[in-house]
Protein backbone atom coordinates (compact mmCIF):
# COMPACT_ATOMS: atom_id res chain seq x y z
CA MET A 1 1.12 12.52 -34.01
CA TYR A 2 -1.15 10.07 -32.21
CA THR A 3 -0.26 8.23 -29.00
CA LYS A 4 -1.43 4.67 -28.53
CA LEU A 5 -2.98 3.11 -25.48
CA ALA A 6 -0.52 0.67 -23.87
CA TRP A 7 -2.78 -2.40 -23.89
CA ASP A 8 -4.72 -1.64 -27.08
CA ALA A 9 -2.86 -0.16 -30.06
CA ASP A 10 -6.13 0.46 -31.96
CA TYR A 11 -7.18 3.19 -29.50
CA ARG A 12 -5.24 6.39 -30.22
CA ARG A 13 -5.26 9.99 -28.96
CA ARG A 14 -3.95 13.31 -30.27
CA ILE A 15 -3.88 16.57 -28.28
CA THR A 16 -3.67 19.84 -30.23
CA TYR A 17 -2.63 23.00 -28.40
CA ILE A 18 -2.22 26.45 -29.97
CA ASP A 19 0.04 29.00 -28.27
CA GLY A 20 -1.83 32.00 -26.86
CA ILE A 21 -5.15 30.15 -26.59
CA PRO A 22 -5.91 28.58 -23.20
CA LEU A 23 -7.79 25.65 -24.76
CA TYR A 24 -6.81 22.40 -26.40
CA VAL A 25 -8.48 19.89 -28.68
CA ALA A 26 -8.42 16.17 -27.88
CA GLU A 27 -9.05 13.74 -30.73
CA TYR A 28 -9.66 10.04 -30.11
CA LEU A 29 -9.59 7.32 -32.78
CA GLY A 30 -11.02 3.88 -32.16
CA THR A 31 -13.15 2.64 -29.27
CA PHE A 32 -11.95 2.45 -25.69
CA PRO A 33 -11.49 -1.20 -24.70
CA ARG A 34 -14.05 -2.37 -22.15
CA ALA A 35 -11.74 -5.03 -20.73
CA THR A 36 -9.47 -2.99 -18.51
CA GLU A 37 -6.68 -4.33 -16.38
CA ALA A 38 -4.79 -3.30 -13.26
CA HIS A 39 -1.85 -0.95 -13.64
CA GLY A 40 1.71 -2.27 -13.58
CA ASN A 41 2.32 -1.71 -9.85
CA ALA A 42 -0.71 -3.71 -8.72
CA THR A 43 0.26 -6.84 -6.83
CA LYS A 44 -2.97 -8.01 -5.20
CA LEU A 45 -5.87 -6.54 -7.15
CA THR A 46 -6.78 -7.63 -10.63
CA ARG A 47 -9.45 -5.01 -11.29
CA GLU A 48 -8.61 -1.64 -12.79
CA TYR A 49 -7.29 1.15 -10.60
CA VAL A 50 -9.89 3.74 -9.63
CA GLN A 51 -8.86 6.58 -7.34
CA THR A 52 -10.67 6.59 -4.01
CA ARG A 53 -12.93 9.60 -3.60
CA PRO A 54 -11.64 12.20 -1.13
CA ALA A 55 -14.91 12.04 0.84
CA VAL A 56 -14.26 8.35 1.56
CA LEU A 57 -10.73 9.07 2.77
CA GLU A 58 -11.97 11.95 4.96
CA ALA A 59 -14.64 9.68 6.45
CA ASP A 60 -11.90 7.16 7.20
CA VAL A 61 -9.81 9.79 9.04
CA ASP A 62 -12.89 10.97 10.97
CA ASP A 63 -13.74 7.37 11.92
CA ILE A 64 -10.20 6.77 13.22
CA LYS A 65 -10.32 9.99 15.29
CA ALA A 66 -13.77 9.31 16.71
CA THR A 67 -13.71 5.61 17.57
CA LYS A 68 -10.12 4.74 18.52
CA ASP A 69 -10.85 1.23 17.24
CA LYS A 70 -8.25 -1.13 15.85
CA LEU A 71 -7.40 -0.39 12.22
CA ARG A 72 -8.67 -3.79 11.02
CA LYS A 73 -12.08 -3.08 12.57
CA VAL A 74 -12.23 0.37 10.96
CA TYR A 75 -11.38 -1.16 7.58
CA GLU A 76 -13.99 -3.91 7.89
CA ARG A 77 -16.69 -1.43 8.91
CA GLN A 78 -15.89 0.93 6.01
CA HIS A 79 -15.50 -1.95 3.57
CA LEU A 80 -18.85 -3.52 4.49
CA ASP A 81 -20.68 -0.18 4.37
CA SER A 82 -19.68 0.55 0.78
CA TYR A 83 -17.86 -2.22 -1.04
CA ASP A 84 -17.76 -0.65 -4.51
CA ASP A 85 -17.19 2.91 -3.35
CA GLY A 86 -15.16 2.28 -0.20
CA LEU A 87 -11.56 1.70 0.71
CA ARG A 88 -9.49 -0.60 -1.49
CA ASN A 89 -7.27 -2.18 1.16
CA MET A 90 -5.83 -1.95 4.68
CA LYS A 91 -2.96 0.24 3.46
CA GLN A 92 -5.36 3.16 3.04
CA VAL A 93 -6.50 2.80 6.67
CA THR A 94 -2.88 2.60 7.84
CA ASN A 95 -2.02 5.75 5.88
CA ALA A 96 -5.01 7.57 7.36
CA ALA A 97 -3.98 6.55 10.90
CA LYS A 98 -0.47 7.82 10.25
CA GLN A 99 -1.95 11.09 8.97
CA VAL A 100 -3.93 11.42 12.22
CA CYS A 101 -0.84 10.72 14.35
CA ASP A 102 1.35 13.10 12.35
CA GLY A 103 -1.23 15.83 12.75
CA LEU A 104 -0.98 15.56 16.54
CA GLN A 105 2.82 15.88 16.63
CA THR A 106 4.93 18.86 15.78
CA LYS A 107 7.10 18.23 12.77
CA SER A 108 10.78 18.90 12.55
CA SER A 109 12.23 19.65 9.17
CA GLY A 110 15.36 17.66 9.95
CA ASN A 111 17.41 20.45 8.41
CA LEU A 112 19.65 22.47 10.76
CA ALA A 113 19.40 25.61 8.63
CA ASP A 114 15.58 25.53 8.78
CA GLU A 115 15.65 24.94 12.54
CA MET A 116 18.00 27.89 13.06
CA GLN A 117 15.80 30.07 10.85
CA SER A 118 12.71 29.16 12.87
CA LEU A 119 14.57 29.99 16.12
CA LEU A 120 15.64 33.36 14.74
CA THR A 121 12.08 34.05 13.62
CA ARG A 122 10.73 33.20 17.08
CA MET A 123 13.37 35.45 18.66
CA SER A 124 12.39 38.44 16.54
CA SER A 125 8.60 38.07 16.85
CA GLU A 126 6.75 40.26 19.34
CA GLY A 127 4.67 37.66 21.19
CA GLN A 128 7.55 35.24 21.81
CA ASP A 129 9.87 35.72 24.79
CA PHE A 130 11.11 32.16 25.32
CA VAL A 131 13.98 32.26 22.80
CA GLN A 132 16.42 34.81 24.26
CA GLY A 133 19.48 34.23 22.10
CA VAL A 134 21.05 32.10 19.37
CA ASN A 135 24.84 31.80 19.14
CA CYS A 136 26.57 30.47 16.04
CA LEU A 137 30.38 30.33 16.04
CA LEU A 138 32.84 28.83 13.59
CA ARG A 139 33.56 25.13 14.26
CA LYS A 140 31.22 25.13 17.28
CA SER A 141 27.78 23.67 17.72
CA PRO A 142 25.02 26.28 17.75
CA SER A 143 23.74 27.17 21.21
CA VAL A 144 20.35 28.56 22.13
CA VAL A 145 19.43 30.50 25.27
CA LEU A 146 15.88 29.73 26.35
CA PHE A 147 14.02 31.23 29.33
CA THR A 148 11.07 33.40 30.19
CA GLN A 149 10.89 36.27 32.64
CA GLU A 150 8.59 34.17 34.87
CA GLN A 151 11.33 31.53 35.18
CA ILE A 152 13.87 34.18 36.22
CA ASP A 153 11.40 35.57 38.79
CA ASP A 154 10.88 32.06 40.19
CA ILE A 155 14.65 31.53 40.53
CA ARG A 156 14.97 34.87 42.29
CA MET A 157 12.14 34.03 44.66
CA PHE A 158 13.26 30.47 45.53
CA CYS A 159 17.04 30.95 45.52
CA CYS A 160 17.48 34.51 46.74
CA GLY A 161 14.43 34.83 48.97
CA GLY A 162 12.92 37.48 46.71
CA ALA A 163 15.73 39.97 47.39
CA PRO A 164 16.77 42.06 44.38
CA THR A 165 20.06 40.53 43.26
CA ASN A 166 21.87 40.17 39.99
CA LEU A 167 21.71 36.69 38.60
CA ARG A 168 24.81 36.18 36.55
CA CYS A 169 25.71 33.03 34.71
CA PRO A 170 23.60 30.02 35.62
CA SER A 171 25.26 26.62 35.50
CA ARG A 172 25.10 24.65 32.28
CA ARG A 173 23.61 21.79 34.30
CA PRO A 174 20.41 22.92 35.99
CA HIS A 175 20.43 22.26 39.75
CA LEU A 176 17.05 23.21 41.13
């Protein structure tokens, strides 16, 4: 069975695959039409869609990190340097800037189960001593106990004058 090209029914393709053999055979009938058109989602461009090379996108990200220029200026500089091989539109620069900003921030999964799992993982790892406890009770919000030994030593020193005392239950509202 041959499949037809959407904008030219005379150009057809058939792919043959045999089980157990990691190769396939592609057969083409007809000639590929030279007059190409933009894909169906294109709203502004009339030329055919060609994927931007990854090196161009990486150069865009590097340019945004290095110069701290306005996005329009970055786009114009990249666009003038290589018109045929460069960025298609401002949206690519905006996406690259968002990628740079997202890389600087820590991401939250937005899922409570994943957050609880990451807390439990931090609590059980050797190098982490900030997460001291995680409490999950039926029909109650989860609570997390967070402190380091240095913080406890500071409280002892400033509140108790450095005398060895037992610190019991600190207030829920910190009053330092």
